[in-house]
N, C-alpha and C. Protein backbone atom coordinates (compact mmCIF):
# COMPACT_ATOMS: atom_id res chain seq x y z
N MET A 1 0.82 -1.20 0.00
CA MET A 1 0.00 0.00 0.00
C MET A 1 0.86 1.26 0.00
N GLU A 2 1.98 1.22 0.74
CA GLU A 2 2.87 2.38 0.80
C GLU A 2 3.49 2.67 -0.57
N ASP A 3 3.81 1.60 -1.31
CA ASP A 3 4.36 1.77 -2.67
C ASP A 3 3.38 2.52 -3.56
N LEU A 4 2.13 2.15 -3.46
CA LEU A 4 1.09 2.79 -4.26
C LEU A 4 0.95 4.26 -3.91
N GLU A 5 0.99 4.57 -2.62
CA GLU A 5 0.89 5.97 -2.18
C GLU A 5 2.12 6.76 -2.61
N LYS A 6 3.28 6.12 -2.55
CA LYS A 6 4.52 6.77 -2.96
C LYS A 6 4.49 7.08 -4.46
N LYS A 7 4.04 6.13 -5.26
CA LYS A 7 3.95 6.34 -6.71
C LYS A 7 2.92 7.42 -7.03
N GLU A 8 1.83 7.40 -6.30
CA GLU A 8 0.81 8.42 -6.51
C GLU A 8 1.35 9.81 -6.19
N ALA A 9 2.11 9.93 -5.12
CA ALA A 9 2.72 11.21 -4.75
C ALA A 9 3.71 11.66 -5.83
N GLN A 10 4.50 10.72 -6.35
CA GLN A 10 5.45 11.05 -7.42
C GLN A 10 4.72 11.52 -8.67
N LEU A 11 3.66 10.84 -9.01
CA LEU A 11 2.88 11.24 -10.18
C LEU A 11 2.26 12.62 -9.98
N GLN A 12 1.80 12.87 -8.76
CA GLN A 12 1.22 14.18 -8.47
C GLN A 12 2.27 15.28 -8.61
N GLU A 13 3.50 15.03 -8.16
CA GLU A 13 4.59 15.99 -8.30
C GLU A 13 4.91 16.24 -9.77
N ARG A 14 4.95 15.18 -10.56
CA ARG A 14 5.22 15.33 -11.99
C ARG A 14 4.12 16.14 -12.66
N LEU A 15 2.88 15.87 -12.28
CA LEU A 15 1.76 16.61 -12.84
C LEU A 15 1.87 18.09 -12.51
N GLU A 16 2.24 18.42 -11.29
CA GLU A 16 2.40 19.82 -10.90
C GLU A 16 3.52 20.49 -11.69
N ARG A 17 4.64 19.77 -11.91
CA ARG A 17 5.74 20.32 -12.70
C ARG A 17 5.30 20.55 -14.15
N ILE A 18 4.54 19.61 -14.69
CA ILE A 18 4.03 19.76 -16.06
C ILE A 18 3.11 20.96 -16.15
N LYS A 19 2.23 21.13 -15.18
CA LYS A 19 1.32 22.28 -15.17
C LYS A 19 2.11 23.59 -15.11
N ALA A 20 3.15 23.62 -14.30
CA ALA A 20 3.98 24.83 -14.19
C ALA A 20 4.67 25.12 -15.52
N LEU A 21 5.17 24.09 -16.18
CA LEU A 21 5.82 24.26 -17.48
C LEU A 21 4.82 24.75 -18.52
N GLU A 22 3.60 24.21 -18.50
CA GLU A 22 2.57 24.66 -19.44
C GLU A 22 2.26 26.13 -19.25
N GLN A 23 2.18 26.57 -18.00
CA GLN A 23 1.92 27.99 -17.72
C GLN A 23 3.05 28.86 -18.24
N GLU A 24 4.28 28.41 -18.05
CA GLU A 24 5.44 29.15 -18.52
C GLU A 24 5.43 29.25 -20.05
N ILE A 25 5.10 28.15 -20.71
CA ILE A 25 5.03 28.14 -22.17
C ILE A 25 3.95 29.09 -22.65
N ARG A 26 2.78 29.07 -22.01
CA ARG A 26 1.69 29.97 -22.40
C ARG A 26 2.11 31.43 -22.25
N LYS A 27 2.80 31.76 -21.17
CA LYS A 27 3.27 33.14 -20.96
C LYS A 27 4.23 33.55 -22.07
N LYS A 28 5.15 32.65 -22.42
CA LYS A 28 6.11 32.96 -23.47
C LYS A 28 5.42 33.10 -24.83
N GLU A 29 4.45 32.23 -25.11
CA GLU A 29 3.70 32.33 -26.36
C GLU A 29 2.95 33.66 -26.44
N THR A 30 2.35 34.06 -25.33
CA THR A 30 1.63 35.33 -25.29
C THR A 30 2.57 36.49 -25.54
N ALA A 31 3.74 36.45 -24.93
CA ALA A 31 4.72 37.52 -25.11
C ALA A 31 5.17 37.60 -26.57
N VAL A 32 5.39 36.45 -27.20
CA VAL A 32 5.81 36.43 -28.60
C VAL A 32 4.70 36.98 -29.49
N LYS A 33 3.45 36.56 -29.24
CA LYS A 33 2.33 37.04 -30.04
C LYS A 33 2.15 38.54 -29.90
N GLN A 34 2.32 39.06 -28.68
CA GLN A 34 2.19 40.50 -28.48
C GLN A 34 3.28 41.25 -29.21
N LYS A 35 4.48 40.72 -29.16
CA LYS A 35 5.60 41.37 -29.84
C LYS A 35 5.38 41.38 -31.35
N GLU A 36 4.89 40.26 -31.88
CA GLU A 36 4.66 40.16 -33.32
C GLU A 36 3.51 41.04 -33.78
N SER A 37 2.51 41.19 -32.92
CA SER A 37 1.34 41.97 -33.33
C SER A 37 1.48 43.46 -33.05
N ALA A 38 2.53 43.84 -32.34
CA ALA A 38 2.74 45.26 -32.06
C ALA A 38 3.03 45.99 -33.36
N LYS A 39 2.36 47.09 -33.57
CA LYS A 39 2.55 47.86 -34.80
C LYS A 39 3.30 49.14 -34.48
N LYS A 40 4.13 49.53 -35.40
CA LYS A 40 4.88 50.78 -35.28
C LYS A 40 4.03 51.91 -35.82
N GLN A 41 4.14 53.04 -35.19
CA GLN A 41 3.43 54.22 -35.66
C GLN A 41 4.38 55.05 -36.52
N VAL A 42 3.86 55.54 -37.64
CA VAL A 42 4.66 56.32 -38.56
C VAL A 42 3.89 57.59 -38.94
N LEU A 43 4.57 58.70 -38.91
CA LEU A 43 3.97 59.94 -39.39
C LEU A 43 4.19 59.98 -40.90
N LEU A 44 3.11 60.11 -41.63
CA LEU A 44 3.18 60.07 -43.08
C LEU A 44 2.52 61.32 -43.65
N ARG A 45 3.27 62.03 -44.48
CA ARG A 45 2.72 63.24 -45.12
C ARG A 45 2.40 62.90 -46.56
N LEU A 46 1.14 63.12 -46.93
CA LEU A 46 0.69 62.86 -48.30
C LEU A 46 0.04 64.10 -48.87
N SER A 47 0.11 64.23 -50.17
CA SER A 47 -0.60 65.34 -50.81
C SER A 47 -2.10 65.07 -50.68
N PRO A 48 -2.90 66.13 -50.66
CA PRO A 48 -4.35 65.93 -50.56
C PRO A 48 -4.91 65.08 -51.69
N SER A 49 -4.38 65.22 -52.89
CA SER A 49 -4.91 64.44 -54.02
C SER A 49 -4.60 62.95 -53.85
N LEU A 50 -3.39 62.63 -53.38
CA LEU A 50 -3.04 61.22 -53.13
C LEU A 50 -3.90 60.67 -52.01
N TRP A 51 -4.10 61.46 -50.96
CA TRP A 51 -4.95 61.04 -49.84
C TRP A 51 -6.36 60.70 -50.33
N GLU A 52 -6.91 61.53 -51.18
CA GLU A 52 -8.26 61.30 -51.70
C GLU A 52 -8.32 60.03 -52.54
N LYS A 53 -7.29 59.79 -53.36
CA LYS A 53 -7.26 58.58 -54.19
C LYS A 53 -7.18 57.32 -53.31
N ILE A 54 -6.33 57.38 -52.28
CA ILE A 54 -6.20 56.23 -51.38
C ILE A 54 -7.50 56.03 -50.60
N ALA A 55 -8.12 57.12 -50.18
CA ALA A 55 -9.39 57.03 -49.44
C ALA A 55 -10.47 56.39 -50.30
N ALA A 56 -10.54 56.78 -51.58
CA ALA A 56 -11.53 56.20 -52.48
C ALA A 56 -11.26 54.71 -52.70
N TRP A 57 -10.00 54.37 -52.89
CA TRP A 57 -9.60 52.98 -53.08
C TRP A 57 -9.95 52.16 -51.84
N ALA A 58 -9.65 52.72 -50.67
CA ALA A 58 -9.95 52.03 -49.41
C ALA A 58 -11.44 51.77 -49.29
N GLU A 59 -12.23 52.74 -49.67
CA GLU A 59 -13.69 52.58 -49.60
C GLU A 59 -14.16 51.46 -50.53
N GLU A 60 -13.59 51.39 -51.71
CA GLU A 60 -13.94 50.33 -52.66
C GLU A 60 -13.60 48.95 -52.10
N ASP A 61 -12.48 48.88 -51.39
CA ASP A 61 -12.01 47.60 -50.83
C ASP A 61 -12.53 47.34 -49.42
N PHE A 62 -13.41 48.21 -48.93
CA PHE A 62 -13.98 48.09 -47.58
C PHE A 62 -12.90 48.02 -46.50
N ARG A 63 -11.92 48.91 -46.63
CA ARG A 63 -10.84 49.01 -45.65
C ARG A 63 -10.80 50.43 -45.11
N SER A 64 -10.14 50.56 -43.97
CA SER A 64 -9.85 51.90 -43.48
C SER A 64 -8.72 52.46 -44.33
N ILE A 65 -8.50 53.75 -44.25
CA ILE A 65 -7.40 54.35 -45.01
C ILE A 65 -6.08 53.79 -44.51
N ASN A 66 -5.95 53.68 -43.19
CA ASN A 66 -4.73 53.11 -42.62
C ASN A 66 -4.52 51.67 -43.11
N GLY A 67 -5.60 50.89 -43.11
CA GLY A 67 -5.52 49.51 -43.59
C GLY A 67 -5.14 49.44 -45.06
N GLN A 68 -5.65 50.39 -45.84
CA GLN A 68 -5.33 50.43 -47.27
C GLN A 68 -3.86 50.77 -47.49
N ILE A 69 -3.35 51.73 -46.75
CA ILE A 69 -1.93 52.09 -46.87
C ILE A 69 -1.06 50.90 -46.49
N GLU A 70 -1.43 50.20 -45.42
CA GLU A 70 -0.67 49.02 -45.00
C GLU A 70 -0.73 47.94 -46.08
N TYR A 71 -1.90 47.75 -46.68
CA TYR A 71 -2.07 46.78 -47.77
C TYR A 71 -1.15 47.13 -48.94
N ILE A 72 -1.16 48.40 -49.34
CA ILE A 72 -0.33 48.86 -50.47
C ILE A 72 1.15 48.61 -50.18
N LEU A 73 1.58 48.94 -48.97
CA LEU A 73 2.98 48.74 -48.61
C LEU A 73 3.34 47.26 -48.58
N ASN A 74 2.46 46.42 -48.03
CA ASN A 74 2.71 44.98 -48.01
C ASN A 74 2.84 44.42 -49.41
N GLU A 75 1.96 44.84 -50.31
CA GLU A 75 2.03 44.38 -51.69
C GLU A 75 3.33 44.81 -52.36
N ALA A 76 3.73 46.04 -52.13
CA ALA A 76 4.97 46.54 -52.72
C ALA A 76 6.18 45.75 -52.21
N VAL A 77 6.21 45.46 -50.93
CA VAL A 77 7.33 44.70 -50.36
C VAL A 77 7.31 43.27 -50.89
N ARG A 78 6.12 42.67 -50.97
CA ARG A 78 6.00 41.31 -51.48
C ARG A 78 6.50 41.22 -52.92
N LYS A 79 6.10 42.17 -53.75
CA LYS A 79 6.54 42.19 -55.16
C LYS A 79 8.03 42.41 -55.28
N ARG A 80 8.55 43.26 -54.44
CA ARG A 80 9.99 43.57 -54.49
C ARG A 80 10.82 42.35 -54.09
N ASN A 81 10.30 41.56 -53.15
CA ASN A 81 11.05 40.40 -52.65
C ASN A 81 10.90 39.15 -53.50
N LYS A 82 10.07 39.22 -54.55
CA LYS A 82 9.93 38.06 -55.44
C LYS A 82 11.23 37.86 -56.20
N PRO A 83 11.65 36.59 -56.36
CA PRO A 83 12.92 36.32 -57.09
C PRO A 83 12.78 36.56 -58.57
């Protein structure tokens, strides 16, 4: 009976260590996701005519102006990096 209790205690300790490791992993994953999703702010000066064209395009694509500018920049970078 003592062997069974001893093994049960050992298993309980292992389970607690596993739970602690899982919590640590979750914290690290959260930190990585936050770092990856953090966006940089940029001051951008555009001519009024360019602003209006981007605003109209954004409206057609159902995006915000900021989202449209980010889309345009992502596309430009993607095209530039193509081999």
